[in-house]
């Protein structure tokens, strides 16, 4: 089936013939034998969650999917479930601030060594691999700098090295399964914050991993069970409903982001406009090779100081100043103070995350209304 059809029909499981999967709120399930069989307890799994997982696996063209109570739940379960004290994890230097903080606190405290590299240059990953390297963890596009990492090159580096055979985990949240297929390129695990585009309506906190290896799936299922990070059934229903419109929404997100990126490139108050679909993007060629949809995220630097940034935000009427992304409504934030506020000034300075960098999540409102709103706010920032 094509992606539009898959999004609507995959995973549907309603024994009563309904066209949507029912919400099963049971915490426990009748057992007819001495051995637990089928669904037993919703911390392990649940009919509604299991139906969503079939939907997610089909969407990502994976064999298995596991749904989690949050994106951070998916991240922590994956890293802690597959790594142990003494192992090393190579991570791309530009990551979501929550992921950065988890690595710098919980992972390090448990004896996992974190090695940061600029993964845009695959040679940096190759040089960092040693016999203790057990995982390579990437975002592409990255958050908030929208760097594009070549999945082909990173997987090739992993495959030809003679030192170790690390797992490759890709956070595919920004691209979505419709924009990018990391498993096709050789990644082992694809991870999503379902809170974002896949749900798409800013009313759920959830995460997921998709993969093809049964052994890895069984390990992550067990870790999820004992960490208590399984998704709840009501949220699973909301995500399942959101998926049905994902293809249509992503087309609108991409079209709007492209117009806004072009507009900002020509505006005197904006500089260093970053969007994978722009020819000016440093990794545009890589993006065209591995992405089918450039997504709805645009990052730019506003000319001026923090006072100018505040005037810009205050003047907005349609864009909502808020963290998160991927919803039908347009959101805007300042990573230095918001999503990456828990990083040190030195860390942000090294990455190039400045106090006047703006990250925009383009919604699906009328593009003319969005452009007018930005025009007014940019004028107010002068």
Protein backbone atom coordinates (compact mmCIF):
# COMPACT_ATOMS: atom_id res chain seq x y z
CA UNK A 1 0.00 0.00 0.00
CA UNK A 2 1.05 3.59 -0.58
CA UNK A 3 1.84 5.71 2.48
CA UNK A 4 -1.52 7.54 2.50
CA UNK A 5 -3.38 4.21 2.56
CA UNK A 6 -1.02 2.64 5.08
CA UNK A 7 -1.48 5.56 7.47
CA UNK A 8 -5.25 5.02 7.50
CA UNK A 9 -5.58 1.23 7.43
CA UNK A 10 -2.45 -0.38 8.93
CA UNK A 11 -2.85 -1.87 12.40
CA UNK A 12 -6.64 -1.58 12.49
CA UNK A 13 -7.90 -4.18 14.95
CA UNK A 14 -11.55 -3.94 15.94
CA UNK A 15 -13.25 -7.32 16.46
CA UNK A 16 -16.64 -5.62 16.34
CA UNK A 17 -16.11 -4.29 12.85
CA UNK A 18 -15.57 -0.64 13.75
CA UNK A 19 -13.41 1.45 11.42
CA UNK A 20 -11.22 2.58 14.35
CA UNK A 21 -9.43 0.59 17.02
CA UNK A 22 -11.33 0.62 20.34
CA UNK A 23 -9.74 2.00 23.50
CA UNK A 24 -9.18 -0.79 26.03
CA UNK A 25 -8.60 0.81 29.43
CA UNK A 26 -8.18 -2.48 31.30
CA UNK A 27 -5.19 -2.59 33.60
CA UNK A 28 -5.34 -6.39 33.89
CA UNK A 29 -6.77 -9.22 31.77
CA UNK A 30 -8.49 -12.56 32.48
CA UNK A 31 -6.16 -15.58 32.38
CA UNK A 32 -7.58 -19.02 31.59
CA UNK A 33 -4.41 -21.02 32.28
CA UNK A 34 -1.71 -21.13 34.94
CA UNK A 35 0.84 -19.52 32.62
CA UNK A 36 0.28 -15.88 31.69
CA UNK A 37 -0.84 -15.81 28.09
CA UNK A 38 -1.64 -12.97 25.70
CA UNK A 39 -2.39 -9.64 27.33
CA UNK A 40 -1.86 -9.85 31.08
CA UNK A 41 -1.16 -6.40 32.50
CA UNK A 42 -1.08 -3.04 30.73
CA UNK A 43 2.38 -2.12 32.00
CA UNK A 44 3.56 -4.93 29.69
CA UNK A 45 1.22 -4.30 26.77
CA UNK A 46 -2.37 -3.50 25.95
CA UNK A 47 -4.65 -4.20 22.95
CA UNK A 48 -4.93 -0.54 21.96
CA UNK A 49 -1.18 0.02 22.32
CA UNK A 50 -0.41 -3.17 20.39
CA UNK A 51 -2.65 -2.02 17.55
CA UNK A 52 -0.82 1.32 17.40
CA UNK A 53 2.50 -0.53 17.35
CA UNK A 54 1.41 -2.44 14.24
CA UNK A 55 0.47 0.89 12.68
CA UNK A 56 3.84 2.44 13.59
CA UNK A 57 5.79 -0.54 12.25
CA UNK A 58 3.96 -0.35 8.93
CA UNK A 59 4.54 3.40 8.76
CA UNK A 60 8.31 3.02 9.26
CA UNK A 61 8.45 -0.14 7.10
CA UNK A 62 9.77 -2.03 10.13
CA UNK A 63 9.03 -5.49 11.51
CA UNK A 64 8.44 -4.33 15.08
CA UNK A 65 7.49 -1.20 17.00
CA UNK A 66 7.27 -0.43 20.70
CA UNK A 67 5.30 2.54 22.05
CA UNK A 68 6.42 4.50 25.11
CA UNK A 69 4.95 6.99 27.54
CA UNK A 70 7.21 9.76 26.15
CA UNK A 71 10.00 10.38 23.68
CA UNK A 72 12.44 10.54 26.60
CA UNK A 73 11.02 7.22 27.78
CA UNK A 74 11.92 5.71 24.41
CA UNK A 75 15.41 7.27 24.52
CA UNK A 76 16.20 6.23 28.09
CA UNK A 77 14.84 2.71 27.64
CA UNK A 78 16.83 2.22 24.43
CA UNK A 79 20.13 3.48 25.84
CA UNK A 80 19.84 1.90 29.28
CA UNK A 81 18.38 -1.31 27.92
CA UNK A 82 21.18 -1.91 25.42
CA UNK A 83 24.24 -0.39 27.12
CA UNK A 84 25.97 -1.18 30.40
CA UNK A 85 28.72 0.23 32.57
CA UNK A 86 31.98 0.47 30.61
CA UNK A 87 30.31 0.83 27.22
CA UNK A 88 30.77 3.88 25.03
CA UNK A 89 28.14 5.70 22.97
CA UNK A 90 29.06 8.05 20.12
CA UNK A 91 26.49 10.83 19.73
CA UNK A 92 26.10 13.66 17.26
CA UNK A 93 27.05 16.95 18.89
CA UNK A 94 23.78 18.72 18.09
CA UNK A 95 20.94 17.00 19.95
CA UNK A 96 17.72 17.88 21.71
CA UNK A 97 18.57 19.42 25.08
CA UNK A 98 16.69 16.75 27.05
CA UNK A 99 18.72 14.01 25.36
CA UNK A 100 21.92 15.92 26.11
CA UNK A 101 21.00 16.24 29.77
CA UNK A 102 20.06 12.57 30.09
CA UNK A 103 23.42 11.54 28.67
CA UNK A 104 25.31 13.97 30.91
CA UNK A 105 23.57 12.89 34.10
CA UNK A 106 21.90 9.48 34.14
CA UNK A 107 23.98 7.71 31.47
CA UNK A 108 27.33 8.95 32.76
CA UNK A 109 26.33 8.19 36.36
CA UNK A 110 25.74 4.58 35.32
CA UNK A 111 29.23 4.28 33.86
CA UNK A 112 28.42 4.84 30.17
CA UNK A 113 30.99 6.99 28.39
CA UNK A 114 29.53 9.59 26.02
CA UNK A 115 31.67 10.67 23.06
CA UNK A 116 30.39 13.70 21.11
CA UNK A 117 31.40 14.29 17.49
CA UNK A 118 30.20 16.36 14.58
CA UNK A 119 28.60 13.44 12.74
CA UNK A 120 28.08 15.51 9.57
CA UNK A 121 31.66 14.46 8.83
CA UNK A 122 31.58 10.66 9.00
CA UNK A 123 35.35 10.53 9.49
CA UNK A 124 34.77 11.93 12.98
CA UNK A 125 32.58 8.94 13.79
CA UNK A 126 35.11 6.55 12.27
CA UNK A 127 37.91 8.02 14.37
CA UNK A 128 35.85 7.77 17.57
CA UNK A 129 35.01 4.07 17.27
CA UNK A 130 36.95 1.78 19.59
CA UNK A 131 36.45 -1.67 21.10
CA UNK A 132 34.14 -0.24 23.76
CA UNK A 133 31.84 1.51 21.30
CA UNK A 134 28.45 -0.18 21.47
CA UNK A 135 26.13 2.47 20.01
CA UNK A 136 26.11 5.41 17.58
CA UNK A 137 23.20 7.75 18.32
CA UNK A 138 22.18 10.37 15.76
CA UNK A 139 19.62 12.99 14.97
CA UNK A 140 19.08 14.07 11.38
CA UNK A 141 17.94 16.77 10.89
CA UNK A 142 19.48 17.78 14.19
CA UNK A 143 17.88 19.97 16.84
CA UNK A 144 18.08 22.98 16.57
CA UNK A 145 20.75 23.51 13.90
CA UNK A 146 19.08 21.26 11.31
CA UNK A 147 22.33 19.57 10.32
CA UNK A 148 21.87 16.66 7.92
CA UNK A 149 23.90 13.54 8.72
CA UNK A 150 24.49 11.11 5.86
CA UNK A 151 22.92 7.84 6.98
CA UNK A 152 24.64 6.03 4.13
CA UNK A 153 28.08 7.23 5.23
CA UNK A 154 27.58 6.53 8.95
CA UNK A 155 26.27 3.02 8.29
CA UNK A 156 29.17 2.39 5.91
CA UNK A 157 31.65 3.54 8.56
CA UNK A 158 30.09 1.13 11.03
CA UNK A 159 30.09 -1.76 8.57
CA UNK A 160 33.69 -1.48 7.38
CA UNK A 161 35.35 -0.85 10.74
CA UNK A 162 37.22 -3.84 12.16
CA UNK A 163 37.11 -2.79 15.80
CA UNK A 164 33.49 -3.20 16.92
CA UNK A 165 29.96 -3.49 15.57
CA UNK A 166 27.98 -0.72 17.28
CA UNK A 167 24.23 -0.37 16.96
CA UNK A 168 23.07 2.68 15.02
CA UNK A 169 20.11 4.49 16.57
CA UNK A 170 18.50 7.37 14.65
CA UNK A 171 16.08 9.88 16.14
CA UNK A 172 13.80 10.40 13.14
CA UNK A 173 11.40 12.82 14.84
CA UNK A 174 12.07 15.86 12.65
CA UNK A 175 11.92 13.95 9.35
CA UNK A 176 9.10 11.49 10.23
CA UNK A 177 8.78 8.08 8.52
CA UNK A 178 7.37 9.86 5.47
CA UNK A 179 10.45 12.03 5.08
CA UNK A 180 13.25 9.58 5.77
CA UNK A 181 13.87 5.82 6.10
CA UNK A 182 16.88 5.17 8.37
CA UNK A 183 16.30 1.39 8.42
CA UNK A 184 16.68 1.32 4.63
CA UNK A 185 20.15 2.86 4.96
CA UNK A 186 21.23 0.34 7.60
CA UNK A 187 20.23 1.80 10.97
CA UNK A 188 19.28 -0.73 13.63
CA UNK A 189 16.73 1.29 15.59
CA UNK A 190 14.60 4.29 14.64
CA UNK A 191 13.28 6.43 17.46
CA UNK A 192 10.49 9.02 17.52
CA UNK A 193 8.89 11.48 19.84
CA UNK A 194 5.31 10.69 18.85
CA UNK A 195 4.37 13.93 20.60
CA UNK A 196 5.52 15.77 17.51
CA UNK A 197 4.52 15.18 13.87
CA UNK A 198 3.21 11.62 14.14
CA UNK A 199 0.49 12.62 16.59
CA UNK A 200 0.45 16.14 15.21
CA UNK A 201 -2.06 17.85 17.48
CA UNK A 202 -0.07 18.87 20.58
CA UNK A 203 -2.27 16.83 22.92
CA UNK A 204 -0.16 13.71 23.65
CA UNK A 205 3.21 12.96 25.23
CA UNK A 206 4.49 9.70 23.72
CA UNK A 207 7.44 8.00 22.03
CA UNK A 208 8.29 4.93 19.97
CA UNK A 209 11.07 2.79 18.58
CA UNK A 210 10.84 0.85 15.32
CA UNK A 211 13.23 -1.96 14.38
CA UNK A 212 13.65 -5.27 12.56
CA UNK A 213 15.69 -7.37 14.99
CA UNK A 214 13.59 -9.61 17.27
CA UNK A 215 16.34 -9.98 19.86
CA UNK A 216 16.65 -6.22 20.24
CA UNK A 217 12.88 -5.89 20.35
CA UNK A 218 12.59 -8.49 23.11
CA UNK A 219 15.31 -6.76 25.15
CA UNK A 220 13.64 -3.36 24.80
CA UNK A 221 10.22 -4.84 25.60
CA UNK A 222 11.61 -6.29 28.85
CA UNK A 223 13.36 -3.04 29.75
CA UNK A 224 10.19 -1.05 29.03
CA UNK A 225 8.24 -3.40 31.28
CA UNK A 226 10.54 -2.99 34.26
CA UNK A 227 11.12 0.73 33.76
CA UNK A 228 7.38 1.31 33.51
CA UNK A 229 7.59 3.33 30.31
CA UNK A 230 4.82 1.68 28.26
CA UNK A 231 2.31 4.05 26.67
CA UNK A 232 -1.22 4.24 28.05
CA UNK A 233 -4.15 3.15 25.82
CA UNK A 234 -5.95 6.48 25.61
CA UNK A 235 -2.82 8.22 24.31
CA UNK A 236 -2.34 5.31 21.90
CA UNK A 237 -5.78 6.01 20.44
CA UNK A 238 -4.97 9.70 19.98
CA UNK A 239 -1.68 8.91 18.22
CA UNK A 240 -3.40 6.32 16.03
CA UNK A 241 -5.95 8.93 15.02
CA UNK A 242 -3.24 11.48 14.30
CA UNK A 243 -1.36 9.09 12.03
CA UNK A 244 -4.29 8.91 9.64
CA UNK A 245 -3.68 12.50 8.52
CA UNK A 246 0.13 12.45 8.72
CA UNK A 247 0.76 12.28 4.92
CA UNK A 248 -1.56 15.20 4.23
CA UNK A 249 -0.14 17.23 7.10
CA UNK A 250 3.48 16.64 6.15
CA UNK A 251 2.86 17.93 2.63
CA UNK A 252 1.42 21.13 4.11
CA UNK A 253 4.22 21.47 6.69
CA UNK A 254 6.88 21.14 3.99
CA UNK A 255 5.19 23.54 1.57
CA UNK A 256 4.78 26.19 4.27
CA UNK A 257 8.32 25.76 5.62
CA UNK A 258 9.79 26.11 2.16
CA UNK A 259 7.96 29.40 1.53
CA UNK A 260 8.88 30.79 4.93
CA UNK A 261 12.54 29.79 4.54
CA UNK A 262 12.71 31.57 1.18
CA UNK A 263 10.98 34.61 2.68
CA UNK A 264 13.45 34.77 5.59
CA UNK A 265 16.45 34.42 3.27
CA UNK A 266 15.37 37.62 1.57
CA UNK A 267 14.53 39.58 4.73
CA UNK A 268 17.07 42.10 6.10
CA UNK A 269 16.31 41.16 9.74
CA UNK A 270 17.10 37.46 9.24
CA UNK A 271 20.40 35.75 8.62
CA UNK A 272 21.82 32.23 8.58
CA UNK A 273 18.50 30.70 7.54
CA UNK A 274 18.62 26.92 7.87
CA UNK A 275 16.19 24.62 6.08
CA UNK A 276 17.20 21.33 4.38
CA UNK A 277 15.18 22.20 1.29
CA UNK A 278 17.15 25.39 0.59
CA UNK A 279 20.02 25.12 -1.86
CA UNK A 280 22.00 27.28 0.57
CA UNK A 281 21.81 24.62 3.30
CA UNK A 282 25.32 23.20 3.88
CA UNK A 283 24.09 19.60 3.48
CA UNK A 284 21.33 20.20 0.94
CA UNK A 285 22.76 17.56 -1.41
CA UNK A 286 22.66 14.91 1.32
CA UNK A 287 19.12 15.92 2.21
CA UNK A 288 17.98 15.46 -1.39
CA UNK A 289 19.50 11.96 -1.43
CA UNK A 290 17.95 10.60 1.75
CA UNK A 291 14.83 12.70 2.41
CA UNK A 292 11.48 12.50 0.61
CA UNK A 293 10.08 15.40 2.63
CA UNK A 294 12.19 18.22 4.07
CA UNK A 295 9.86 18.70 7.02
CA UNK A 296 8.42 21.77 8.67
CA UNK A 297 11.30 23.08 10.80
CA UNK A 298 13.16 26.30 10.01
CA UNK A 299 15.92 27.87 12.10
CA UNK A 300 17.31 31.38 11.61
CA UNK A 301 19.22 34.06 13.45
CA UNK A 302 17.42 37.31 14.17
CA UNK A 303 19.57 40.41 13.75
CA UNK A 304 19.66 42.17 17.09
CA UNK A 305 20.04 41.48 20.80
CA UNK A 306 17.72 39.72 23.27
CA UNK A 307 15.54 42.83 23.49
CA UNK A 308 14.95 42.56 19.75
CA UNK A 309 14.10 38.88 20.19
CA UNK A 310 11.55 39.76 22.88
CA UNK A 311 9.97 42.46 20.68
CA UNK A 312 9.77 39.91 17.87
CA UNK A 313 8.01 37.35 20.06
CA UNK A 314 5.66 39.91 21.60
CA UNK A 315 4.48 41.06 18.18
CA UNK A 316 3.44 37.60 16.98
CA UNK A 317 -0.30 36.93 16.74
CA UNK A 318 -0.51 33.52 15.03
CA UNK A 319 2.80 31.87 15.91
CA UNK A 320 2.76 30.73 19.54
CA UNK A 321 5.99 31.12 21.54
CA UNK A 322 6.30 27.60 22.97
CA UNK A 323 8.58 24.59 23.05
CA UNK A 324 7.79 21.38 21.14
CA UNK A 325 7.00 21.12 17.44
CA UNK A 326 5.17 19.18 14.78
CA UNK A 327 1.61 20.23 15.58
CA UNK A 328 -0.97 21.71 13.25
CA UNK A 329 -0.38 25.10 14.89
CA UNK A 330 2.79 27.09 14.23
CA UNK A 331 5.15 27.33 17.21
CA UNK A 332 8.27 29.41 17.70
CA UNK A 333 10.99 29.25 20.34
CA UNK A 334 14.46 30.45 21.28
CA UNK A 335 16.60 27.32 21.85
CA UNK A 336 19.24 29.13 23.92
CA UNK A 337 16.72 29.85 26.66
CA UNK A 338 14.10 27.17 26.06
CA UNK A 339 14.71 23.69 24.59
CA UNK A 340 18.46 23.87 25.21
CA UNK A 341 18.37 26.09 28.28
CA UNK A 342 19.80 23.36 30.52
CA UNK A 343 23.07 23.32 28.57
CA UNK A 344 25.97 25.50 29.69
CA UNK A 345 26.82 28.73 27.88
CA UNK A 346 30.10 27.14 26.77
CA UNK A 347 28.34 24.13 25.27
CA UNK A 348 25.87 26.31 23.39
CA UNK A 349 28.63 28.63 22.22
CA UNK A 350 30.62 25.69 20.86
CA UNK A 351 27.64 24.49 18.86
CA UNK A 352 26.71 27.97 17.66
CA UNK A 353 23.41 28.18 19.54
CA UNK A 354 23.12 31.91 20.14
CA UNK A 355 20.71 34.04 22.19
CA UNK A 356 19.11 35.35 19.00
CA UNK A 357 18.66 32.01 17.23
CA UNK A 358 14.99 31.29 16.48
CA UNK A 359 13.53 27.84 15.79
CA UNK A 360 10.17 27.71 14.01
CA UNK A 361 7.78 24.78 13.68
CA UNK A 362 5.58 25.62 10.70
CA UNK A 363 1.99 24.53 11.17
CA UNK A 364 -0.69 24.10 8.53
CA UNK A 365 -2.35 27.50 8.77
CA UNK A 366 -2.81 29.62 5.65
CA UNK A 367 0.68 30.55 4.46
CA UNK A 368 -0.29 34.16 3.70
CA UNK A 369 -1.41 34.62 7.30
CA UNK A 370 1.87 33.18 8.59
CA UNK A 371 3.96 35.40 6.32
CA UNK A 372 2.06 38.50 7.42
CA UNK A 373 2.56 37.58 11.06
CA UNK A 374 6.31 37.13 10.58
CA UNK A 375 6.57 40.36 8.59
CA UNK A 376 4.92 42.34 11.38
CA UNK A 377 7.06 40.74 14.07
CA UNK A 378 10.31 41.25 12.16
CA UNK A 379 9.43 44.91 11.71
CA UNK A 380 8.78 45.21 15.46
CA UNK A 381 12.19 43.72 16.22
CA UNK A 382 14.08 46.54 14.47
